[in-house]
PDB file of N, CA and C in Angstrom:
ATOM      1  N   MET A   1      -4.841  26.166  -7.453  1.00  0.00           N
ATOM      2  CA  MET A   1      -5.235  25.648  -6.154  1.00  0.00           C
ATOM      3  C   MET A   1      -6.460  24.759  -6.333  1.00  0.00           C
ATOM      4  N   ALA A   2      -6.418  23.555  -5.784  1.00  0.00           N
ATOM      5  CA  ALA A   2      -7.527  22.617  -5.895  1.00  0.00           C
ATOM      6  C   ALA A   2      -8.664  23.042  -4.978  1.00  0.00           C
ATOM      7  N   ALA A   3      -9.878  22.838  -5.465  1.00  0.00           N
ATOM      8  CA  ALA A   3     -11.052  23.149  -4.655  1.00  0.00           C
ATOM      9  C   ALA A   3     -11.149  22.146  -3.512  1.00  0.00           C
ATOM     10  N   VAL A   4     -11.673  22.618  -2.386  1.00  0.00           N
ATOM     11  CA  VAL A   4     -11.845  21.767  -1.213  1.00  0.00           C
ATOM     12  C   VAL A   4     -13.342  21.629  -0.945  1.00  0.00           C
ATOM     13  N   GLU A   5     -13.763  20.403  -0.664  1.00  0.00           N
ATOM     14  CA  GLU A   5     -15.166  20.147  -0.369  1.00  0.00           C
ATOM     15  C   GLU A   5     -15.304  19.567   1.029  1.00  0.00           C
ATOM     16  N   ARG A   6     -16.401  19.957   1.684  1.00  0.00           N
ATOM     17  CA  ARG A   6     -16.759  19.329   2.948  1.00  0.00           C
ATOM     18  C   ARG A   6     -17.487  18.039   2.609  1.00  0.00           C
ATOM     19  N   VAL A   7     -17.027  16.935   3.170  1.00  0.00           N
ATOM     20  CA  VAL A   7     -17.585  15.630   2.842  1.00  0.00           C
ATOM     21  C   VAL A   7     -17.990  14.933   4.135  1.00  0.00           C
ATOM     22  N   SER A   8     -19.243  14.454   4.163  1.00  0.00           N
ATOM     23  CA  SER A   8     -19.742  13.643   5.273  1.00  0.00           C
ATOM     24  C   SER A   8     -19.761  12.197   4.808  1.00  0.00           C
ATOM     25  N   ILE A   9     -19.192  11.313   5.619  1.00  0.00           N
ATOM     26  CA  ILE A   9     -19.140   9.890   5.292  1.00  0.00           C
ATOM     27  C   ILE A   9     -19.929   9.149   6.368  1.00  0.00           C
ATOM     28  N   GLY A  10     -20.989   8.457   5.941  1.00  0.00           N
ATOM     29  CA  GLY A  10     -21.835   7.712   6.872  1.00  0.00           C
ATOM     30  C   GLY A  10     -21.485   6.237   6.854  1.00  0.00           C
ATOM     31  N   PHE A  11     -21.539   5.623   8.043  1.00  0.00           N
ATOM     32  CA  PHE A  11     -21.183   4.219   8.190  1.00  0.00           C
ATOM     33  C   PHE A  11     -22.390   3.399   8.617  1.00  0.00           C
ATOM     34  N   SER A  12     -22.310   2.089   8.416  1.00  0.00           N
ATOM     35  CA  SER A  12     -23.431   1.196   8.683  1.00  0.00           C
ATOM     36  C   SER A  12     -23.887   1.229  10.140  1.00  0.00           C
ATOM     37  N   GLY A  13     -23.038   1.582  11.066  1.00  0.00           N
ATOM     38  CA  GLY A  13     -23.416   1.648  12.477  1.00  0.00           C
ATOM     39  C   GLY A  13     -24.086   2.963  12.860  1.00  0.00           C
ATOM     40  N   GLY A  14     -24.200   3.899  11.903  1.00  0.00           N
ATOM     41  CA  GLY A  14     -24.850   5.173  12.173  1.00  0.00           C
ATOM     42  C   GLY A  14     -23.895   6.332  12.405  1.00  0.00           C
ATOM     43  N   GLN A  15     -22.611   6.063  12.531  1.00  0.00           N
ATOM     44  CA  GLN A  15     -21.632   7.121  12.730  1.00  0.00           C
ATOM     45  C   GLN A  15     -21.428   7.904  11.433  1.00  0.00           C
ATOM     46  N   VAL A  16     -21.103   9.188  11.593  1.00  0.00           N
ATOM     47  CA  VAL A  16     -20.794  10.050  10.460  1.00  0.00           C
ATOM     48  C   VAL A  16     -19.491  10.775  10.761  1.00  0.00           C
ATOM     49  N   VAL A  17     -18.583  10.774   9.783  1.00  0.00           N
ATOM     50  CA  VAL A  17     -17.322  11.487   9.894  1.00  0.00           C
ATOM     51  C   VAL A  17     -17.349  12.605   8.858  1.00  0.00           C
ATOM     52  N   GLU A  18     -16.970  13.806   9.270  1.00  0.00           N
ATOM     53  CA  GLU A  18     -16.900  14.924   8.338  1.00  0.00           C
ATOM     54  C   GLU A  18     -15.436  15.299   8.125  1.00  0.00           C
ATOM     55  N   VAL A  19     -15.059  15.417   6.848  1.00  0.00           N
ATOM     56  CA  VAL A  19     -13.681  15.752   6.486  1.00  0.00           C
ATOM     57  C   VAL A  19     -13.708  16.786   5.368  1.00  0.00           C
ATOM     58  N   ARG A  20     -12.564  17.408   5.139  1.00  0.00           N
ATOM     59  CA  ARG A  20     -12.399  18.335   4.014  1.00  0.00           C
ATOM     60  C   ARG A  20     -11.431  17.694   3.038  1.00  0.00           C
ATOM     61  N   LEU A  21     -11.917  17.461   1.807  1.00  0.00           N
ATOM     62  CA  LEU A  21     -11.128  16.776   0.793  1.00  0.00           C
ATOM     63  C   LEU A  21     -10.959  17.641  -0.444  1.00  0.00           C
ATOM     64  N   SER A  22      -9.818  17.513  -1.085  1.00  0.00           N
ATOM     65  CA  SER A  22      -9.633  18.150  -2.392  1.00  0.00           C
ATOM     66  C   SER A  22     -10.463  17.376  -3.410  1.00  0.00           C
ATOM     67  N   ASP A  23     -10.684  17.984  -4.563  1.00  0.00           N
ATOM     68  CA  ASP A  23     -11.417  17.318  -5.638  1.00  0.00           C
ATOM     69  C   ASP A  23     -10.759  15.992  -6.007  1.00  0.00           C
ATOM     70  N   VAL A  24      -9.435  15.996  -6.061  1.00  0.00           N
ATOM     71  CA  VAL A  24      -8.690  14.790  -6.432  1.00  0.00           C
ATOM     72  C   VAL A  24      -8.877  13.697  -5.382  1.00  0.00           C
ATOM     73  N   SER A  25      -8.768  14.055  -4.103  1.00  0.00           N
ATOM     74  CA  SER A  25      -8.934  13.053  -3.039  1.00  0.00           C
ATOM     75  C   SER A  25     -10.346  12.493  -3.015  1.00  0.00           C
ATOM     76  N   LEU A  26     -11.348  13.337  -3.258  1.00  0.00           N
ATOM     77  CA  LEU A  26     -12.734  12.868  -3.285  1.00  0.00           C
ATOM     78  C   LEU A  26     -12.937  11.901  -4.445  1.00  0.00           C
ATOM     79  N   LYS A  27     -12.383  12.223  -5.601  1.00  0.00           N
ATOM     80  CA  LYS A  27     -12.504  11.342  -6.759  1.00  0.00           C
ATOM     81  C   LYS A  27     -11.847   9.990  -6.478  1.00  0.00           C
ATOM     82  N   GLU A  28     -10.655  10.007  -5.880  1.00  0.00           N
ATOM     83  CA  GLU A  28      -9.955   8.762  -5.538  1.00  0.00           C
ATOM     84  C   GLU A  28     -10.746   7.952  -4.509  1.00  0.00           C
ATOM     85  N   PHE A  29     -11.362   8.642  -3.539  1.00  0.00           N
ATOM     86  CA  PHE A  29     -12.161   7.959  -2.524  1.00  0.00           C
ATOM     87  C   PHE A  29     -13.366   7.270  -3.165  1.00  0.00           C
ATOM     88  N   ARG A  30     -14.043   7.964  -4.055  1.00  0.00           N
ATOM     89  CA  ARG A  30     -15.206   7.372  -4.731  1.00  0.00           C
ATOM     90  C   ARG A  30     -14.782   6.159  -5.568  1.00  0.00           C
ATOM     91  N   GLN A  31     -13.628   6.208  -6.202  1.00  0.00           N
ATOM     92  CA  GLN A  31     -13.135   5.063  -6.971  1.00  0.00           C
ATOM     93  C   GLN A  31     -12.827   3.891  -6.045  1.00  0.00           C
ATOM     94  N   ALA A  32     -12.255   4.179  -4.882  1.00  0.00           N
ATOM     95  CA  ALA A  32     -11.951   3.123  -3.912  1.00  0.00           C
ATOM     96  C   ALA A  32     -13.236   2.476  -3.396  1.00  0.00           C
ATOM     97  N   LEU A  33     -14.305   3.277  -3.252  1.00  0.00           N
ATOM     98  CA  LEU A  33     -15.573   2.727  -2.787  1.00  0.00           C
ATOM     99  C   LEU A  33     -16.162   1.739  -3.788  1.00  0.00           C
ATOM    100  N   ASN A  34     -15.905   1.954  -5.055  1.00  0.00           N
ATOM    101  CA  ASN A  34     -16.404   1.019  -6.068  1.00  0.00           C
ATOM    102  C   ASN A  34     -15.818  -0.376  -5.872  1.00  0.00           C
ATOM    103  N   LYS A  35     -14.610  -0.450  -5.343  1.00  0.00           N
ATOM    104  CA  LYS A  35     -13.972  -1.738  -5.076  1.00  0.00           C
ATOM    105  C   LYS A  35     -14.338  -2.246  -3.682  1.00  0.00           C
ATOM    106  N   ALA A  36     -14.508  -1.318  -2.722  1.00  0.00           N
ATOM    107  CA  ALA A  36     -14.866  -1.643  -1.335  1.00  0.00           C
ATOM    108  C   ALA A  36     -14.069  -2.836  -0.814  1.00  0.00           C
ATOM    109  N   ASP A  37     -12.760  -2.758  -0.953  1.00  0.00           N
ATOM    110  CA  ASP A  37     -11.884  -3.870  -0.594  1.00  0.00           C
ATOM    111  C   ASP A  37     -11.109  -3.544   0.676  1.00  0.00           C
ATOM    112  N   GLY A  38     -11.749  -3.652   1.818  1.00  0.00           N
ATOM    113  CA  GLY A  38     -11.068  -3.434   3.093  1.00  0.00           C
ATOM    114  C   GLY A  38     -10.872  -1.978   3.438  1.00  0.00           C
ATOM    115  N   TRP A  39      -9.717  -1.674   3.987  1.00  0.00           N
ATOM    116  CA  TRP A  39      -9.419  -0.339   4.486  1.00  0.00           C
ATOM    117  C   TRP A  39      -8.782   0.529   3.405  1.00  0.00           C
ATOM    118  N   GLY A  40      -9.072   1.827   3.494  1.00  0.00           N
ATOM    119  CA  GLY A  40      -8.460   2.784   2.595  1.00  0.00           C
ATOM    120  C   GLY A  40      -8.100   4.042   3.356  1.00  0.00           C
ATOM    121  N   ASP A  41      -7.101   4.754   2.901  1.00  0.00           N
ATOM    122  CA  ASP A  41      -6.675   6.001   3.540  1.00  0.00           C
ATOM    123  C   ASP A  41      -7.183   7.194   2.749  1.00  0.00           C
ATOM    124  N   LEU A  42      -7.697   8.182   3.472  1.00  0.00           N
ATOM    125  CA  LEU A  42      -8.134   9.444   2.881  1.00  0.00           C
ATOM    126  C   LEU A  42      -7.130  10.510   3.248  1.00  0.00           C
ATOM    127  N   GLU A  43      -6.635  11.221   2.264  1.00  0.00           N
ATOM    128  CA  GLU A  43      -5.741  12.348   2.519  1.00  0.00           C
ATOM    129  C   GLU A  43      -6.617  13.593   2.626  1.00  0.00           C
ATOM    130  N   THR A  44      -6.866  14.040   3.854  1.00  0.00           N
ATOM    131  CA  THR A  44      -7.736  15.185   4.094  1.00  0.00           C
ATOM    132  C   THR A  44      -6.896  16.439   4.304  1.00  0.00           C
ATOM    133  N   GLU A  45      -7.573  17.570   4.416  1.00  0.00           N
ATOM    134  CA  GLU A  45      -6.893  18.831   4.691  1.00  0.00           C
ATOM    135  C   GLU A  45      -6.275  18.824   6.091  1.00  0.00           C
ATOM    136  N   ASP A  46      -6.766  17.952   6.971  1.00  0.00           N
ATOM    137  CA  ASP A  46      -6.293  17.904   8.357  1.00  0.00           C
ATOM    138  C   ASP A  46      -5.423  16.699   8.672  1.00  0.00           C
ATOM    139  N   GLY A  47      -5.133  15.877   7.671  1.00  0.00           N
ATOM    140  CA  GLY A  47      -4.304  14.698   7.912  1.00  0.00           C
ATOM    141  C   GLY A  47      -4.923  13.470   7.265  1.00  0.00           C
ATOM    142  N   THR A  48      -4.364  12.316   7.551  1.00  0.00           N
ATOM    143  CA  THR A  48      -4.822  11.060   6.965  1.00  0.00           C
ATOM    144  C   THR A  48      -5.877  10.412   7.849  1.00  0.00           C
ATOM    145  N   VAL A  49      -6.955   9.937   7.217  1.00  0.00           N
ATOM    146  CA  VAL A  49      -8.026   9.226   7.913  1.00  0.00           C
ATOM    147  C   VAL A  49      -8.153   7.858   7.268  1.00  0.00           C
ATOM    148  N   SER A  50      -8.109   6.797   8.076  1.00  0.00           N
ATOM    149  CA  SER A  50      -8.290   5.441   7.567  1.00  0.00           C
ATOM    150  C   SER A  50      -9.747   5.036   7.721  1.00  0.00           C
ATOM    151  N   VAL A  51     -10.304   4.455   6.646  1.00  0.00           N
ATOM    152  CA  VAL A  51     -11.731   4.135   6.603  1.00  0.00           C
ATOM    153  C   VAL A  51     -11.913   2.688   6.157  1.00  0.00           C
ATOM    154  N   ASP A  52     -12.815   1.976   6.842  1.00  0.00           N
ATOM    155  CA  ASP A  52     -13.208   0.637   6.396  1.00  0.00           C
ATOM    156  C   ASP A  52     -14.229   0.832   5.278  1.00  0.00           C
ATOM    157  N   LEU A  53     -13.800   0.691   4.045  1.00  0.00           N
ATOM    158  CA  LEU A  53     -14.624   0.988   2.887  1.00  0.00           C
ATOM    159  C   LEU A  53     -15.871   0.118   2.811  1.00  0.00           C
ATOM    160  N   ARG A  54     -15.827  -1.061   3.406  1.00  0.00           N
ATOM    161  CA  ARG A  54     -16.978  -1.971   3.372  1.00  0.00           C
ATOM    162  C   ARG A  54     -18.111  -1.487   4.244  1.00  0.00           C
ATOM    163  N   GLN A  55     -17.843  -0.548   5.164  1.00  0.00           N
ATOM    164  CA  GLN A  55     -18.858  -0.067   6.103  1.00  0.00           C
ATOM    165  C   GLN A  55     -19.503   1.258   5.683  1.00  0.00           C
ATOM    166  N   VAL A  56     -19.030   1.859   4.600  1.00  0.00           N
ATOM    167  CA  VAL A  56     -19.557   3.150   4.153  1.00  0.00           C
ATOM    168  C   VAL A  56     -20.922   2.938   3.499  1.00  0.00           C
ATOM    169  N   VAL A  57     -21.927   3.705   3.959  1.00  0.00           N
ATOM    170  CA  VAL A  57     -23.271   3.596   3.391  1.00  0.00           C
ATOM    171  C   VAL A  57     -23.683   4.852   2.632  1.00  0.00           C
ATOM    172  N   PHE A  58     -23.019   5.985   2.894  1.00  0.00           N
ATOM    173  CA  PHE A  58     -23.284   7.172   2.084  1.00  0.00           C
ATOM    174  C   PHE A  58     -22.119   8.136   2.131  1.00  0.00           C
ATOM    175  N   VAL A  59     -22.040   8.971   1.087  1.00  0.00           N
ATOM    176  CA  VAL A  59     -21.062  10.052   1.000  1.00  0.00           C
ATOM    177  C   VAL A  59     -21.817  11.289   0.528  1.00  0.00           C
ATOM    178  N   ARG A  60     -21.747  12.341   1.327  1.00  0.00           N
ATOM    179  CA  ARG A  60     -22.397  13.606   0.957  1.00  0.00           C
ATOM    180  C   ARG A  60     -21.317  14.672   0.874  1.00  0.00           C
ATOM    181  N   SER A  61     -21.306  15.426  -0.227  1.00  0.00           N
ATOM    182  CA  SER A  61     -20.288  16.462  -0.381  1.00  0.00           C
ATOM    183  C   SER A  61     -20.939  17.793  -0.699  1.00  0.00           C
ATOM    184  N   ALA A  62     -20.272  18.857  -0.252  1.00  0.00           N
ATOM    185  CA  ALA A  62     -20.718  20.224  -0.529  1.00  0.00           C
ATOM    186  C   ALA A  62     -19.478  21.081  -0.686  1.00  0.00           C
ATOM    187  N   ALA A  63     -19.446  21.877  -1.723  1.00  0.00           N
ATOM    188  CA  ALA A  63     -18.290  22.742  -1.942  1.00  0.00           C
ATOM    189  C   ALA A  63     -18.142  23.707  -0.778  1.00  0.00           C
ATOM    190  N   ALA A  64     -16.928  23.845  -0.281  1.00  0.00           N
ATOM    191  CA  ALA A  64     -16.644  24.773   0.815  1.00  0.00           C
ATOM    192  C   ALA A  64     -16.319  26.129   0.214  1.00  0.00           C
ATOM    193  N   HIS A  65     -17.139  27.112   0.511  1.00  0.00           N
ATOM    194  CA  HIS A  65     -16.916  28.458  -0.016  1.00  0.00           C
ATOM    195  C   HIS A  65     -16.117  29.284   0.965  1.00  0.00           C
ATOM    196  N   GLY A  66     -15.283  30.146   0.453  1.00  0.00           N
ATOM    197  CA  GLY A  66     -14.403  30.949   1.294  1.00  0.00           C
ATOM    198  C   GLY A  66     -15.019  32.214   1.827  1.00  0.00           C
ATOM    199  N   SER A  67     -16.299  32.469   1.529  1.00  0.00           N
ATOM    200  CA  SER A  67     -16.902  33.701   2.000  1.00  0.00           C
ATOM    201  C   SER A  67     -17.964  33.431   3.056  1.00  0.00           C
ATOM    202  N   ILE A  68     -18.202  34.442   3.874  1.00  0.00           N
ATOM    203  CA  ILE A  68     -19.210  34.346   4.918  1.00  0.00           C
ATOM    204  C   ILE A  68     -20.227  35.433   4.643  1.00  0.00           C
ATOM    205  N   GLY A  69     -21.479  35.110   4.835  1.00  0.00           N
ATOM    206  CA  GLY A  69     -22.514  36.120   4.656  1.00  0.00           C
ATOM    207  C   GLY A  69     -23.529  35.679   3.628  1.00  0.00           C
ATOM    208  N   PHE A  70     -24.334  36.636   3.209  1.00  0.00           N
ATOM    209  CA  PHE A  70     -25.414  36.351   2.285  1.00  0.00           C
ATOM    210  C   PHE A  70     -24.948  36.502   0.850  1.00  0.00           C
ATOM    211  N   GLY A  71     -25.356  35.575   0.020  1.00  0.00           N
ATOM    212  CA  GLY A  71     -25.024  35.652  -1.397  1.00  0.00           C
ATOM    213  C   GLY A  71     -25.963  36.618  -2.113  1.00  0.00           C
ATOM    214  N   GLN A  72     -25.508  37.129  -3.201  1.00  0.00           N
ATOM    215  CA  GLN A  72     -26.343  38.014  -4.001  1.00  0.00           C
ATOM    216  C   GLN A  72     -26.925  37.208  -5.144  1.00  0.00           C
ATOM    217  N   GLY A  73     -28.146  37.471  -5.492  1.00  0.00           N
ATOM    218  CA  GLY A  73     -28.717  36.711  -6.580  1.00  0.00           C
ATOM    219  C   GLY A  73     -30.044  37.105  -6.855  1.00  0.00           C
TER     220      GLY A  73
END
């Protein structure tokens, strides 16, 4: 099973979209950003999201953990 990450995508106008992406989809998205050639589709856990790659100003990701509560450490 592929790991899923919560990813926030910020745009030049100040909007932020939060999606859940597999490791593979996040890697493909980052590669598409290197080209920043128009629109690209993201295959998220909730469906397809189309993004204007030229407007993305940041990508923040955090691994989504399946447990709730306090960690031990």
